[in-house]
Amino acid sequence: MSDIKDRSARRRMRHQRVRKKVRGTAEVPRLVVFKSSRNLFAQVVNDDHSVTVTGASTLSPEIKDSVKGLPKMKQAEQLAKLLCARLQEKNIGKVVFDRNGYPYHGVVKTLADGVREASLLP
């Protein structure tokens, strides 16, 4: 495996490896996912200008009460719907997915699939 034993340090290394290839532009921004032990966060970033276009989380007021007590997979589905609605408000048609070094399964995959259903991901 790796000489680095710390779990978060390994994730940061994977993230750096992915970020060499994934870049968000004004036309196709980057969708970044972060997950904590309790909540999920997603933000859309324009790397050309180093600015966050929009973002959403399970703490957003629109879905905070509806996701309370739900499993993480259901929370990820709700978050994907909210994020797609916010992206449509900003007239963004495509995004590039950045898994932030997390394995592509579970809530990360569910979030990506939810965004893909709205035809924002290839």
Protein backbone atom coordinates (compact mmCIF):
# COMPACT_ATOMS: atom_id res chain seq x y z
CA MET A 1 0.00 0.00 0.00
CA SER A 2 1.47 3.32 1.01
CA ASP A 3 4.01 4.40 3.60
CA ILE A 4 1.52 6.97 4.86
CA LYS A 5 -0.64 5.40 7.54
CA ASP A 6 -2.95 8.29 8.30
CA ARG A 7 -6.30 7.84 6.57
CA SER A 8 -6.89 11.54 5.91
CA ALA A 9 -3.36 11.99 4.57
CA ARG A 10 -3.92 9.17 2.08
CA ARG A 11 -7.18 10.83 1.01
CA ARG A 12 -5.38 14.15 0.50
CA MET A 13 -2.78 12.41 -1.66
CA ARG A 14 -5.51 10.80 -3.78
CA HIS A 15 -7.18 14.19 -4.07
CA GLN A 16 -3.96 15.82 -5.30
CA ARG A 17 -3.54 13.04 -7.87
CA VAL A 18 -7.08 13.59 -9.17
CA ARG A 19 -6.74 17.39 -9.17
CA LYS A 20 -3.84 17.16 -11.62
CA LYS A 21 -6.37 16.05 -14.23
CA VAL A 22 -9.68 17.60 -13.12
CA ARG A 23 -10.09 21.32 -13.67
CA GLY A 24 -13.21 23.46 -13.61
CA THR A 25 -13.75 26.31 -16.05
CA ALA A 26 -16.41 28.98 -16.39
CA GLU A 27 -18.31 26.84 -18.91
CA VAL A 28 -17.82 23.51 -17.12
CA PRO A 29 -17.13 24.07 -13.41
CA ARG A 30 -15.89 21.43 -10.97
CA LEU A 31 -18.30 19.75 -8.53
CA VAL A 32 -16.43 18.98 -5.29
CA VAL A 33 -17.82 16.63 -2.65
CA PHE A 34 -16.88 16.66 1.01
CA LYS A 35 -18.30 14.35 3.61
CA SER A 36 -17.98 14.62 7.33
CA SER A 37 -19.17 12.07 9.83
CA ARG A 38 -22.58 13.78 10.05
CA ASN A 39 -23.11 15.87 6.92
CA LEU A 40 -22.47 16.03 3.20
CA PHE A 41 -21.26 19.11 1.36
CA ALA A 42 -21.05 19.86 -2.36
CA GLN A 43 -19.78 22.98 -4.04
CA VAL A 44 -19.29 23.99 -7.64
CA VAL A 45 -16.00 25.77 -8.30
CA ASN A 46 -14.67 27.79 -11.22
CA ASP A 47 -10.92 27.15 -11.06
CA ASP A 48 -10.09 29.80 -13.67
CA HIS A 49 -11.12 32.56 -11.26
CA SER A 50 -10.80 30.55 -8.02
CA VAL A 51 -14.40 31.24 -7.05
CA THR A 52 -17.22 29.08 -5.76
CA VAL A 53 -20.19 29.37 -8.09
CA THR A 54 -22.71 27.69 -5.81
CA GLY A 55 -22.90 25.08 -3.11
CA ALA A 56 -25.24 23.01 -1.02
CA SER A 57 -25.10 20.78 2.01
CA THR A 58 -27.34 18.72 4.21
CA LEU A 59 -27.32 21.76 6.50
CA SER A 60 -28.93 23.96 3.83
CA PRO A 61 -32.21 25.42 5.10
CA GLU A 62 -34.22 23.98 2.18
CA ILE A 63 -33.49 20.36 3.06
CA LYS A 64 -32.21 20.47 6.64
CA ASP A 65 -35.47 19.32 8.24
CA SER A 66 -36.35 16.80 5.54
CA VAL A 67 -33.02 14.92 5.75
CA LYS A 68 -32.90 14.81 9.53
CA GLY A 69 -32.83 11.18 10.65
CA LEU A 70 -32.53 9.79 7.12
CA PRO A 71 -29.74 7.42 6.07
CA LYS A 72 -26.75 9.02 4.34
CA MET A 73 -27.74 7.56 0.95
CA LYS A 74 -31.14 9.28 1.08
CA GLN A 75 -29.48 12.48 2.23
CA ALA A 76 -27.16 12.32 -0.78
CA GLU A 77 -30.17 11.97 -3.11
CA GLN A 78 -31.85 15.02 -1.57
CA LEU A 79 -28.60 16.97 -1.76
CA ALA A 80 -28.19 16.10 -5.45
CA LYS A 81 -31.69 17.39 -6.21
CA LEU A 82 -31.05 20.64 -4.37
CA LEU A 83 -27.69 21.12 -6.06
CA CYS A 84 -29.19 20.49 -9.52
CA ALA A 85 -31.88 23.07 -8.85
CA ARG A 86 -29.26 25.63 -7.85
CA LEU A 87 -27.16 24.84 -10.91
CA GLN A 88 -30.16 25.32 -13.19
CA GLU A 89 -30.79 28.72 -11.60
CA LYS A 90 -27.21 29.68 -12.51
CA ASN A 91 -27.66 28.32 -16.09
CA ILE A 92 -24.90 25.74 -15.71
CA GLY A 93 -25.43 22.79 -18.04
CA LYS A 94 -22.40 20.59 -17.33
CA VAL A 95 -20.03 19.98 -14.44
CA VAL A 96 -16.87 17.94 -13.89
CA PHE A 97 -17.05 15.62 -10.88
CA ASP A 98 -14.29 15.75 -8.25
CA ARG A 99 -14.65 13.03 -5.65
CA ASN A 100 -12.12 14.78 -3.40
CA GLY A 101 -10.06 11.64 -2.85
CA TYR A 102 -12.96 9.56 -1.54
CA PRO A 103 -13.64 6.13 -3.03
CA TYR A 104 -16.35 6.22 -5.68
CA HIS A 105 -19.03 4.26 -3.85
CA GLY A 106 -21.70 4.86 -1.25
CA VAL A 107 -22.79 8.46 -0.77
CA VAL A 108 -20.24 9.83 -3.25
CA LYS A 109 -21.61 7.58 -5.99
CA THR A 110 -25.21 8.34 -5.01
CA LEU A 111 -24.56 12.07 -5.22
CA ALA A 112 -22.86 11.69 -8.61
CA ASP A 113 -25.73 9.54 -9.91
CA GLY A 114 -28.26 12.12 -8.76
CA VAL A 115 -26.45 14.86 -10.61
CA ARG A 116 -26.03 12.58 -13.64
CA GLU A 117 -29.81 12.01 -13.75
CA ALA A 118 -30.23 15.75 -14.30
CA SER A 119 -27.84 15.42 -17.30
CA LEU A 120 -25.19 17.57 -15.68
CA LEU A 121 -22.53 14.87 -15.69
CA PRO A 122 -21.48 12.87 -18.75
